[in-house]
Amino acid sequence: MTPALGLYLHIPFCRQRCDYCAFYLEVHREPAAEAFCRALETEIALYAAEPCFTGRQLASLYFGGGTPTVLKTDQLVGLLDAVQRLFPLSPACEITVEAHPATVTTRDLAALRDRGVTRISFGAESLADDELANLGRPGTQAETIAAVMSARSGGFTDFNLDLMYGLPGQTLESWERTLHRCIHLGPTHVSCYALTVEEGTRLAHEVRRAQKQEPDESLQIEMDRSAQDILGRAGYEQYEISNYARPGFQCRHNLLYWTQGEYLGVGPSAQSLVGNVRFGNVANLTRYKASLTESRFPLQERTLLTPQEQLRDAVIFGLRLRQGVPTSQLRAHVENYGHVETWRELSADQLIEDVCGRSRLSARGRLFADTIAERLF
């Protein structure tokens, strides 16, 4: 049986760069955005003509960024129409659009819903205005609330809120207030990410100059613990280290990443995994458009994964999931890399547990997922 295929469209524009952001992006300008949309449609058409993709149904379609909703709604709809012309969509295809709360109206969201978008992911980050300001993140709590109301008015019954913890000036109490406010808004899915200081960002510069404090790792662990407790009591299952969902509302597109499913990424800096080949696009809009003007794929890297590397990736991503990985897979991995004793120690410390032949991080282990990954990989 042909495996499910996900398609990711990277929209590389934002209104401005947030202080913590290290992703490739460009400040939105309409002429550049219009030219980009044409190039993106060309890239999608090139892949649709490849024999390995001919007739492949899409199980998921994800517009990420950047901020996809800085594009005009008719531009997003045009891209969606192009995908639907070139690729068949499965009857239950999940179609997600990421959005900054301040960039959408009820009319925009209704138009997207009418054209088949099933899921909206709002980048709220915090529901405290002072924390957003300290983070250099444009937006307010009121805009997030208004966006959620607009999504409901536009017909959406499935939406995610992205939150971050360990922000400058954030306390455990203010994080818990954000969690409770989030629950009150009734999202079907919540993503909680620990703030990290990435080199080359404004935040990194400010930390070096002692203008802002680096995130407190012990405080972030307490915040993670609070998220598990508060969201769990509210009916959200932590199905992946950073992701919580009500029953039936797990993000199917992201599950492809975590379960070694196949996904095709288009747009500058987008990454793909098809079969045992991982490949990625140039992270440069000018070079991206130049390649597509010549009807060439804008690839920057391509790696053929060995069976050992495929197993390693399956274990790395699988241990992030609540369901874990088959214990036989984990055993094969630790034997390959000489980490059998480390595995035994983690199991003895009750950080990894075996449940019916599957190994997974325990509730305590999920608090130390990055440390465990460093020890095993």
Foldseek 3Di string as FASTA:
>chain_A
DDFAEAEEEEDQEACDDWQQDPAQHDHDDVVLNVLQLVLLLLLLQLVLPDPVQPAHAHQEYEYYYHAVLVDDLVSVLVSVVSNVVRHHYDPNYAYEHEHALVRDALVSLLVVVVSPHAEYEYAPQFACAVLCVQRRHDDHNVSVLNSLVSNVSSPHPAYEYEYEPLTFPDALVRLLVRLVVVVVSPHQKYFYYYRAHDPPGNVVVCCVVVVTPGRDLVRVLVSLVSCCVVVVVSQWDQFFLGMTGHPPRDDPNVVCQLQVHWYHYTDAQTWTDDDQKIWTAHSDSVLSSVCSVVSHHRTDDMDRHDPLRVLLSNQLSQQRGPQAAFVVSLVVNCVVVVLPVVVVVCVVVQQWDADPRGIYGDPSVSSVSVVSNVSRD
